[in-house]
C-alpha atoms as a PDB file:
ATOM      1  CA  MET A   1     -15.523  43.265-115.175  1.00  0.00           C
ATOM      2  CA  LYS A   2     -16.522  42.214-111.632  1.00  0.00           C
ATOM      3  CA  ARG A   3     -17.593  45.764-110.809  1.00  0.00           C
ATOM      4  CA  MET A   4     -19.852  45.919-113.873  1.00  0.00           C
ATOM      5  CA  LEU A   5     -21.568  42.712-112.954  1.00  0.00           C
ATOM      6  CA  LEU A   6     -22.268  44.041-109.490  1.00  0.00           C
ATOM      7  CA  SER A   7     -23.619  47.347-110.763  1.00  0.00           C
ATOM      8  CA  VAL A   8     -25.903  46.113-113.453  1.00  0.00           C
ATOM      9  CA  VAL A   9     -29.592  46.256-112.491  1.00  0.00           C
ATOM     10  CA  SER A  10     -31.252  43.040-113.485  1.00  0.00           C
ATOM     11  CA  GLY A  11     -34.870  43.990-113.902  1.00  0.00           C
ATOM     12  CA  LEU A  12     -35.826  40.281-114.089  1.00  0.00           C
ATOM     13  CA  ALA A  13     -34.237  39.400-110.814  1.00  0.00           C
ATOM     14  CA  LEU A  14     -35.231  42.522-108.934  1.00  0.00           C
ATOM     15  CA  ALA A  15     -38.782  42.286-109.962  1.00  0.00           C
ATOM     16  CA  SER A  16     -39.058  38.646-108.978  1.00  0.00           C
ATOM     17  CA  CYS A  17     -36.827  38.006-105.969  1.00  0.00           C
ATOM     18  CA  HIS A  18     -37.572  40.501-103.251  1.00  0.00           C
ATOM     19  CA  SER A  19     -39.129  37.591-101.337  1.00  0.00           C
ATOM     20  CA  THR A  20     -39.989  33.953-101.756  1.00  0.00           C
ATOM     21  CA  PRO A  21     -43.662  33.890-102.502  1.00  0.00           C
ATOM     22  CA  THR A  22     -46.141  31.098-102.111  1.00  0.00           C
ATOM     23  CA  VAL A  23     -48.106  29.789-105.012  1.00  0.00           C
ATOM     24  CA  ASN A  24     -51.843  30.132-104.865  1.00  0.00           C
ATOM     25  CA  PRO A  25     -53.116  26.576-104.897  1.00  0.00           C
ATOM     26  CA  SER A  26     -55.897  27.478-107.296  1.00  0.00           C
ATOM     27  CA  VAL A  27     -53.438  28.719-109.871  1.00  0.00           C
ATOM     28  CA  GLY A  28     -52.828  26.050-112.472  1.00  0.00           C
ATOM     29  CA  SER A  29     -55.614  23.839-111.108  1.00  0.00           C
ATOM     30  CA  ASN A  30     -58.868  22.970-112.785  1.00  0.00           C
ATOM     31  CA  ALA A  31     -60.694  25.624-110.746  1.00  0.00           C
ATOM     32  CA  ASN A  32     -61.720  28.634-112.852  1.00  0.00           C
ATOM     33  CA  PRO A  33     -64.780  30.213-111.220  1.00  0.00           C
ATOM     34  CA  GLY A  34     -64.697  33.278-113.469  1.00  0.00           C
ATOM     35  CA  ARG A  35     -64.396  31.622-116.854  1.00  0.00           C
ATOM     36  CA  PRO A  36     -64.906  27.809-117.022  1.00  0.00           C
ATOM     37  CA  THR A  37     -63.404  25.944-119.940  1.00  0.00           C
ATOM     38  CA  THR A  38     -64.917  23.153-121.920  1.00  0.00           C
ATOM     39  CA  SER A  39     -61.912  20.885-121.311  1.00  0.00           C
ATOM     40  CA  GLY A  40     -61.922  21.462-117.567  1.00  0.00           C
ATOM     41  CA  GLY A  41     -58.218  22.383-117.653  1.00  0.00           C
ATOM     42  CA  PRO A  42     -56.529  25.632-116.697  1.00  0.00           C
ATOM     43  CA  THR A  43     -56.958  28.717-118.895  1.00  0.00           C
ATOM     44  CA  GLN A  44     -54.044  30.337-120.624  1.00  0.00           C
ATOM     45  CA  THR A  45     -54.232  33.097-118.016  1.00  0.00           C
ATOM     46  CA  GLN A  46     -53.927  30.537-115.206  1.00  0.00           C
ATOM     47  CA  ARG A  47     -51.046  28.727-116.913  1.00  0.00           C
ATOM     48  CA  ALA A  48     -49.187  32.078-117.359  1.00  0.00           C
ATOM     49  CA  ALA A  49     -49.802  32.946-113.700  1.00  0.00           C
ATOM     50  CA  ALA A  50     -48.533  29.539-112.618  1.00  0.00           C
ATOM     51  CA  ALA A  51     -45.478  29.966-114.812  1.00  0.00           C
ATOM     52  CA  ARG A  52     -44.634  33.315-113.352  1.00  0.00           C
ATOM     53  CA  ALA A  53     -45.084  31.955-109.824  1.00  0.00           C
ATOM     54  CA  ASN A  54     -42.726  29.036-110.526  1.00  0.00           C
ATOM     55  CA  MET A  55     -40.265  31.461-112.195  1.00  0.00           C
ATOM     56  CA  THR A  56     -40.298  33.667-109.109  1.00  0.00           C
ATOM     57  CA  LEU A  57     -39.677  30.631-106.932  1.00  0.00           C
ATOM     58  CA  GLY A  58     -36.928  29.452-109.240  1.00  0.00           C
ATOM     59  CA  LEU A  59     -35.153  32.820-109.085  1.00  0.00           C
ATOM     60  CA  GLY A  60     -35.453  32.876-105.290  1.00  0.00           C
ATOM     61  CA  TYR A  61     -33.809  29.495-105.023  1.00  0.00           C
ATOM     62  CA  LEU A  62     -31.160  30.608-107.543  1.00  0.00           C
ATOM     63  CA  GLN A  63     -30.297  33.575-105.336  1.00  0.00           C
ATOM     64  CA  GLN A  64     -30.080  31.242-102.413  1.00  0.00           C
ATOM     65  CA  GLY A  65     -27.696  28.954-104.242  1.00  0.00           C
ATOM     66  CA  ASN A  66     -30.061  26.022-104.327  1.00  0.00           C
ATOM     67  CA  LEU A  67     -29.515  25.199-108.002  1.00  0.00           C
ATOM     68  CA  PRO A  68     -31.288  21.806-108.252  1.00  0.00           C
ATOM     69  CA  ILE A  69     -34.590  23.209-106.892  1.00  0.00           C
ATOM     70  CA  ALA A  70     -34.168  26.386-108.958  1.00  0.00           C
ATOM     71  CA  LYS A  71     -33.850  24.196-112.077  1.00  0.00           C
ATOM     72  CA  GLU A  72     -36.901  22.228-111.095  1.00  0.00           C
ATOM     73  CA  LYS A  73     -39.033  25.332-110.734  1.00  0.00           C
ATOM     74  CA  LEU A  74     -37.740  27.049-113.841  1.00  0.00           C
ATOM     75  CA  ASP A  75     -38.144  23.911-115.976  1.00  0.00           C
ATOM     76  CA  LYS A  76     -41.804  23.729-114.760  1.00  0.00           C
ATOM     77  CA  ALA A  77     -42.344  27.411-115.497  1.00  0.00           C
ATOM     78  CA  ARG A  78     -40.976  26.957-119.045  1.00  0.00           C
ATOM     79  CA  SER A  79     -43.275  23.990-119.642  1.00  0.00           C
ATOM     80  CA  GLU A  80     -46.222  26.027-118.447  1.00  0.00           C
ATOM     81  CA  ASP A  81     -45.484  29.071-120.615  1.00  0.00           C
ATOM     82  CA  PRO A  82     -42.646  28.644-123.097  1.00  0.00           C
ATOM     83  CA  ASP A  83     -43.444  31.968-124.780  1.00  0.00           C
ATOM     84  CA  LEU A  84     -42.709  34.129-121.733  1.00  0.00           C
ATOM     85  CA  PRO A  85     -39.417  35.914-122.342  1.00  0.00           C
ATOM     86  CA  ASP A  86     -38.596  36.323-118.637  1.00  0.00           C
ATOM     87  CA  ILE A  87     -38.616  32.608-118.175  1.00  0.00           C
ATOM     88  CA  HIS A  88     -35.941  32.192-120.838  1.00  0.00           C
ATOM     89  CA  GLY A  89     -33.982  34.992-119.173  1.00  0.00           C
ATOM     90  CA  ALA A  90     -34.193  33.215-115.843  1.00  0.00           C
ATOM     91  CA  MET A  91     -33.142  29.996-117.471  1.00  0.00           C
ATOM     92  CA  ALA A  92     -30.106  31.843-118.925  1.00  0.00           C
ATOM     93  CA  LEU A  93     -29.082  33.011-115.425  1.00  0.00           C
ATOM     94  CA  LEU A  94     -29.313  29.489-114.152  1.00  0.00           C
ATOM     95  CA  ASP A  95     -27.395  28.014-117.081  1.00  0.00           C
ATOM     96  CA  GLU A  96     -24.633  30.554-116.547  1.00  0.00           C
ATOM     97  CA  ARG A  97     -24.358  29.618-112.864  1.00  0.00           C
ATOM     98  CA  LEU A  98     -24.146  25.970-113.952  1.00  0.00           C
ATOM     99  CA  GLY A  99     -21.305  26.804-116.312  1.00  0.00           C
ATOM    100  CA  LYS A 100     -23.461  26.011-119.400  1.00  0.00           C
ATOM    101  CA  ASP A 101     -22.496  29.127-121.355  1.00  0.00           C
ATOM    102  CA  LYS A 102     -23.758  27.916-124.710  1.00  0.00           C
ATOM    103  CA  GLU A 103     -27.127  27.066-123.197  1.00  0.00           C
ATOM    104  CA  ALA A 104     -27.285  30.422-121.440  1.00  0.00           C
ATOM    105  CA  ASP A 105     -26.593  32.244-124.707  1.00  0.00           C
ATOM    106  CA  LYS A 106     -29.308  30.218-126.396  1.00  0.00           C
ATOM    107  CA  GLU A 107     -31.823  31.112-123.696  1.00  0.00           C
ATOM    108  CA  PHE A 108     -30.987  34.834-123.925  1.00  0.00           C
ATOM    109  CA  ARG A 109     -31.487  34.644-127.660  1.00  0.00           C
ATOM    110  CA  ALA A 110     -34.778  32.844-127.279  1.00  0.00           C
ATOM    111  CA  ALA A 111     -35.972  35.598-124.879  1.00  0.00           C
ATOM    112  CA  LEU A 112     -35.005  38.317-127.325  1.00  0.00           C
ATOM    113  CA  LYS A 113     -36.521  36.522-130.309  1.00  0.00           C
ATOM    114  CA  ILE A 114     -39.848  36.730-128.470  1.00  0.00           C
ATOM    115  CA  ASP A 115     -39.394  40.351-127.433  1.00  0.00           C
ATOM    116  CA  PRO A 116     -36.425  41.928-129.316  1.00  0.00           C
ATOM    117  CA  HIS A 117     -36.881  45.331-127.689  1.00  0.00           C
ATOM    118  CA  ASP A 118     -37.022  44.382-124.007  1.00  0.00           C
ATOM    119  CA  PRO A 119     -34.388  46.775-122.498  1.00  0.00           C
ATOM    120  CA  ALA A 120     -33.880  44.811-119.296  1.00  0.00           C
ATOM    121  CA  MET A 121     -33.261  41.597-121.235  1.00  0.00           C
ATOM    122  CA  LEU A 122     -30.920  43.388-123.640  1.00  0.00           C
ATOM    123  CA  ASN A 123     -29.045  44.790-120.624  1.00  0.00           C
ATOM    124  CA  ASN A 124     -28.734  41.357-119.003  1.00  0.00           C
ATOM    125  CA  TYR A 125     -27.642  39.681-122.188  1.00  0.00           C
ATOM    126  CA  ALA A 126     -25.059  42.441-122.695  1.00  0.00           C
ATOM    127  CA  VAL A 127     -23.639  41.716-119.202  1.00  0.00           C
ATOM    128  CA  PHE A 128     -23.340  38.054-120.228  1.00  0.00           C
ATOM    129  CA  LEU A 129     -21.657  38.956-123.533  1.00  0.00           C
ATOM    130  CA  CYS A 130     -19.133  41.301-121.930  1.00  0.00           C
ATOM    131  CA  SER A 131     -18.319  38.679-119.337  1.00  0.00           C
ATOM    132  CA  HIS A 132     -17.562  36.213-122.030  1.00  0.00           C
ATOM    133  CA  GLY A 133     -15.222  38.135-124.218  1.00  0.00           C
ATOM    134  CA  LYS A 134     -17.696  39.706-126.650  1.00  0.00           C
ATOM    135  CA  PRO A 135     -17.439  43.448-125.952  1.00  0.00           C
ATOM    136  CA  ASP A 136     -18.697  44.671-129.349  1.00  0.00           C
ATOM    137  CA  GLU A 137     -21.873  42.692-129.257  1.00  0.00           C
ATOM    138  CA  GLY A 138     -22.268  43.524-125.558  1.00  0.00           C
ATOM    139  CA  VAL A 139     -21.932  47.217-126.092  1.00  0.00           C
ATOM    140  CA  ARG A 140     -24.431  47.136-128.935  1.00  0.00           C
ATOM    141  CA  ASN A 141     -26.964  45.497-126.641  1.00  0.00           C
ATOM    142  CA  PHE A 142     -26.301  47.983-123.840  1.00  0.00           C
ATOM    143  CA  GLU A 143     -26.796  50.927-126.231  1.00  0.00           C
ATOM    144  CA  GLN A 144     -29.922  49.408-127.749  1.00  0.00           C
ATOM    145  CA  ALA A 145     -31.330  49.149-124.232  1.00  0.00           C
ATOM    146  CA  ALA A 146     -30.335  52.677-123.367  1.00  0.00           C
ATOM    147  CA  SER A 147     -31.994  54.099-126.491  1.00  0.00           C
ATOM    148  CA  ASN A 148     -35.328  52.507-125.669  1.00  0.00           C
ATOM    149  CA  PRO A 149     -37.554  55.373-124.379  1.00  0.00           C
ATOM    150  CA  LEU A 150     -39.328  52.855-122.116  1.00  0.00           C
ATOM    151  CA  TYR A 151     -36.080  52.061-120.289  1.00  0.00           C
ATOM    152  CA  SER A 152     -36.055  53.807-116.963  1.00  0.00           C
ATOM    153  CA  THR A 153     -32.281  53.794-116.321  1.00  0.00           C
ATOM    154  CA  PRO A 154     -30.445  54.383-119.598  1.00  0.00           C
ATOM    155  CA  TRP A 155     -27.510  55.891-117.656  1.00  0.00           C
ATOM    156  CA  ALA A 156     -26.860  52.516-116.122  1.00  0.00           C
ATOM    157  CA  ALA A 157     -26.656  50.863-119.535  1.00  0.00           C
ATOM    158  CA  TYR A 158     -24.333  53.545-120.918  1.00  0.00           C
ATOM    159  CA  THR A 159     -22.095  53.145-117.799  1.00  0.00           C
ATOM    160  CA  ASN A 160     -21.999  49.399-118.208  1.00  0.00           C
ATOM    161  CA  ALA A 161     -21.052  49.795-121.880  1.00  0.00           C
ATOM    162  CA  GLY A 162     -18.137  51.916-120.762  1.00  0.00           C
ATOM    163  CA  VAL A 163     -17.080  49.398-118.100  1.00  0.00           C
ATOM    164  CA  CYS A 164     -17.232  46.684-120.711  1.00  0.00           C
ATOM    165  CA  LEU A 165     -14.938  48.646-122.965  1.00  0.00           C
ATOM    166  CA  ARG A 166     -12.528  49.453-120.085  1.00  0.00           C
ATOM    167  CA  ALA A 167     -12.299  45.717-119.369  1.00  0.00           C
ATOM    168  CA  ALA A 168     -11.359  45.230-123.038  1.00  0.00           C
ATOM    169  CA  HIS A 169      -8.608  47.948-122.665  1.00  0.00           C
ATOM    170  CA  ARG A 170     -10.471  50.276-124.959  1.00  0.00           C
ATOM    171  CA  ASP A 171     -10.493  53.346-122.677  1.00  0.00           C
ATOM    172  CA  ALA A 172     -10.832  55.886-125.504  1.00  0.00           C
ATOM    173  CA  GLU A 173     -14.152  54.291-126.447  1.00  0.00           C
ATOM    174  CA  ALA A 174     -15.274  53.942-122.809  1.00  0.00           C
ATOM    175  CA  ARG A 175     -14.928  57.671-122.093  1.00  0.00           C
ATOM    176  CA  PRO A 176     -17.878  58.898-124.285  1.00  0.00           C
ATOM    177  CA  ARG A 177     -20.157  56.229-122.747  1.00  0.00           C
ATOM    178  CA  PHE A 178     -19.469  57.561-119.267  1.00  0.00           C
ATOM    179  CA  ASP A 179     -20.097  61.100-120.555  1.00  0.00           C
ATOM    180  CA  ARG A 180     -23.427  60.030-122.019  1.00  0.00           C
ATOM    181  CA  ALA A 181     -24.391  58.397-118.721  1.00  0.00           C
ATOM    182  CA  LEU A 182     -23.565  61.608-116.809  1.00  0.00           C
ATOM    183  CA  ARG A 183     -25.502  63.781-119.242  1.00  0.00           C
ATOM    184  CA  SER A 184     -28.434  61.454-118.760  1.00  0.00           C
ATOM    185  CA  ASN A 185     -28.188  61.448-114.981  1.00  0.00           C
ATOM    186  CA  PRO A 186     -25.439  63.561-113.284  1.00  0.00           C
ATOM    187  CA  ALA A 187     -26.378  62.026-109.937  1.00  0.00           C
ATOM    188  CA  TYR A 188     -25.569  58.483-110.963  1.00  0.00           C
ATOM    189  CA  SER A 189     -22.670  57.648-108.647  1.00  0.00           C
ATOM    190  CA  GLU A 190     -21.356  54.660-110.661  1.00  0.00           C
ATOM    191  CA  ALA A 191     -20.840  56.767-113.739  1.00  0.00           C
ATOM    192  CA  VAL A 192     -19.025  59.383-111.587  1.00  0.00           C
ATOM    193  CA  PHE A 193     -16.866  56.655-110.090  1.00  0.00           C
ATOM    194  CA  GLN A 194     -15.988  55.082-113.424  1.00  0.00           C
ATOM    195  CA  SER A 195     -15.189  58.430-115.153  1.00  0.00           C
ATOM    196  CA  ALA A 196     -13.117  59.656-112.215  1.00  0.00           C
ATOM    197  CA  ASP A 197     -11.327  56.267-111.914  1.00  0.00           C
ATOM    198  CA  LEU A 198     -10.446  56.522-115.589  1.00  0.00           C
ATOM    199  CA  ASP A 199      -9.102  60.051-114.980  1.00  0.00           C
ATOM    200  CA  LEU A 200      -6.991  58.775-112.121  1.00  0.00           C
ATOM    201  CA  GLN A 201      -5.673  55.981-114.308  1.00  0.00           C
ATOM    202  CA  GLN A 202      -4.717  58.494-116.993  1.00  0.00           C
ATOM    203  CA  GLN A 203      -3.208  60.803-114.315  1.00  0.00           C
ATOM    204  CA  LYS A 204      -5.780  63.516-114.876  1.00  0.00           C
ATOM    205  CA  TYR A 205      -5.955  64.286-111.199  1.00  0.00           C
ATOM    206  CA  PRO A 206      -7.650  67.726-111.219  1.00  0.00           C
ATOM    207  CA  GLU A 207     -10.394  66.419-113.508  1.00  0.00           C
ATOM    208  CA  ALA A 208     -11.032  63.462-111.255  1.00  0.00           C
ATOM    209  CA  ARG A 209     -11.088  65.625-108.082  1.00  0.00           C
ATOM    210  CA  PHE A 210     -13.437  68.151-109.677  1.00  0.00           C
ATOM    211  CA  LEU A 211     -15.849  65.396-110.775  1.00  0.00           C
ATOM    212  CA  ILE A 212     -16.022  63.798-107.429  1.00  0.00           C
ATOM    213  CA  ASP A 213     -16.203  66.944-105.418  1.00  0.00           C
ATOM    214  CA  LEU A 214     -19.013  68.273-107.614  1.00  0.00           C
ATOM    215  CA  PHE A 215     -20.931  65.122-107.049  1.00  0.00           C
ATOM    216  CA  LEU A 216     -20.301  65.184-103.271  1.00  0.00           C
ATOM    217  CA  LEU A 217     -21.487  68.797-103.108  1.00  0.00           C
ATOM    218  CA  ARG A 218     -24.835  67.921-104.609  1.00  0.00           C
ATOM    219  CA  ASN A 219     -25.461  64.293-103.633  1.00  0.00           C
ATOM    220  CA  PRO A 220     -24.998  61.917-100.693  1.00  0.00           C
ATOM    221  CA  ALA A 221     -21.518  60.320-100.595  1.00  0.00           C
ATOM    222  CA  THR A 222     -20.817  56.751-101.347  1.00  0.00           C
ATOM    223  CA  PRO A 223     -17.939  54.800 -99.739  1.00  0.00           C
ATOM    224  CA  ASP A 224     -16.535  54.032-103.177  1.00  0.00           C
ATOM    225  CA  LEU A 225     -16.350  57.658-104.170  1.00  0.00           C
ATOM    226  CA  LEU A 226     -14.787  58.735-100.893  1.00  0.00           C
ATOM    227  CA  LEU A 227     -12.063  56.142-101.147  1.00  0.00           C
ATOM    228  CA  LEU A 228     -11.442  57.085-104.788  1.00  0.00           C
ATOM    229  CA  ALA A 229     -11.241  60.725-103.754  1.00  0.00           C
ATOM    230  CA  TRP A 230      -8.701  59.754-101.129  1.00  0.00           C
ATOM    231  CA  ARG A 231      -6.663  57.881-103.752  1.00  0.00           C
ATOM    232  CA  VAL A 232      -6.701  60.888-106.034  1.00  0.00           C
ATOM    233  CA  ALA A 233      -5.616  63.204-103.219  1.00  0.00           C
ATOM    234  CA  GLN A 234      -2.802  60.755-102.461  1.00  0.00           C
ATOM    235  CA  ALA A 235      -1.669  60.846-106.109  1.00  0.00           C
ATOM    236  CA  GLN A 236      -1.678  64.661-105.885  1.00  0.00           C
ATOM    237  CA  ASN A 237       0.383  64.529-102.560  1.00  0.00           C
ATOM    238  CA  ASP A 238      -2.336  66.418-100.784  1.00  0.00           C
ATOM    239  CA  PRO A 239      -2.435  65.071 -97.176  1.00  0.00           C
ATOM    240  CA  THR A 240      -5.044  67.631 -96.074  1.00  0.00           C
ATOM    241  CA  ALA A 241      -7.521  66.430 -98.614  1.00  0.00           C
ATOM    242  CA  GLN A 242      -6.694  62.821 -97.827  1.00  0.00           C
ATOM    243  CA  GLN A 243      -7.473  63.392 -94.152  1.00  0.00           C
ATOM    244  CA  LYS A 244     -10.731  65.085 -95.119  1.00  0.00           C
ATOM    245  CA  TYR A 245     -11.908  62.223 -97.200  1.00  0.00           C
ATOM    246  CA  ALA A 246     -10.721  59.575 -94.789  1.00  0.00           C
ATOM    247  CA  ALA A 247     -12.601  61.368 -91.948  1.00  0.00           C
ATOM    248  CA  ARG A 248     -15.835  61.464 -93.939  1.00  0.00           C
ATOM    249  CA  LEU A 249     -15.431  57.809 -94.791  1.00  0.00           C
ATOM    250  CA  ALA A 250     -14.872  56.901 -91.132  1.00  0.00           C
ATOM    251  CA  GLN A 251     -17.830  59.029 -89.944  1.00  0.00           C
ATOM    252  CA  GLU A 252     -20.366  58.212 -92.637  1.00  0.00           C
ATOM    253  CA  PHE A 253     -19.417  54.586 -93.412  1.00  0.00           C
ATOM    254  CA  PRO A 254     -17.568  53.263 -90.359  1.00  0.00           C
ATOM    255  CA  ASN A 255     -18.265  49.604 -91.031  1.00  0.00           C
ATOM    256  CA  SER A 256     -17.607  49.613 -94.753  1.00  0.00           C
ATOM    257  CA  GLU A 257     -14.756  47.733 -96.437  1.00  0.00           C
ATOM    258  CA  GLN A 258     -13.538  51.063 -97.826  1.00  0.00           C
ATOM    259  CA  SER A 259     -13.265  52.548 -94.391  1.00  0.00           C
ATOM    260  CA  ARG A 260     -11.409  49.542 -93.032  1.00  0.00           C
ATOM    261  CA  ALA A 261      -9.000  49.772 -95.986  1.00  0.00           C
ATOM    262  CA  LEU A 262      -7.864  53.173 -94.704  1.00  0.00           C
ATOM    263  CA  THR A 263      -7.713  52.319 -90.987  1.00  0.00           C
ATOM    264  CA  PRO A 264      -3.910  51.923 -90.899  1.00  0.00           C
ATOM    265  CA  THR A 265      -3.418  55.345 -92.519  1.00  0.00           C
ATOM    266  CA  ARG A 266      -5.272  57.240 -89.737  1.00  0.00           C
ATOM    267  CA  PRO A 267      -3.210  58.802 -86.987  1.00  0.00           C
ATOM    268  CA  ASN A 268      -3.337  57.090 -83.636  1.00  0.00           C
ATOM    269  CA  PRO A 269      -5.175  59.454 -81.198  1.00  0.00           C
ATOM    270  CA  GLY A 270      -3.512  57.818 -78.243  1.00  0.00           C
END
């Protein structure tokens, strides 16, 4: 499951946490030069902007591991705009980090009650469900996200559905999800990795080699795929292929963990 969590694209986090922004001091204040209000308070647009700014700050602090300040900012964001689904999604991420799984589930459900078809939120909730022993519901959410024509990376959701099923020891159900991911995007390296890794596990060595080599012929290599190709060649007792993959790994990704993992297997030139 760890690999799935690392590979999932969290649209909420990526959209909000590339940097730690500053809040415009006029946002959320009484100033409203374009459209004054009779009450003198902030407009709904200003409150929404302030909520998003605080959400962005909260997610930034969450990524940095500063959970108390993250909670402060996200609580403020929720009070400013409780109907913004992304804020509930951000609170869910925080609650999960705090070990409050019931609260996290509640926040995800609140977000999806506001916008039931948000594919990024469905994807993130599916990750949560699969991580907490609910693969059937998780897979349903992944596939609902993937089927949304507005979702830009359906292959990632299909792959994650397959990883979720593999973690539940349901390999026969995982396979068609990887196939759908590859039909959707043959250049998605994670789907290639998962499908070939499943082939290796099932001792389908030629199928695994073919899938990886075809990808490497058409796309840039990844350290994960080169190491997996080395493992497949090792299972086939093919030292020439092993040396080829190890050499590429050392040349293209010399500082990677995958390359270091093979260091003892390389011949000593001296």
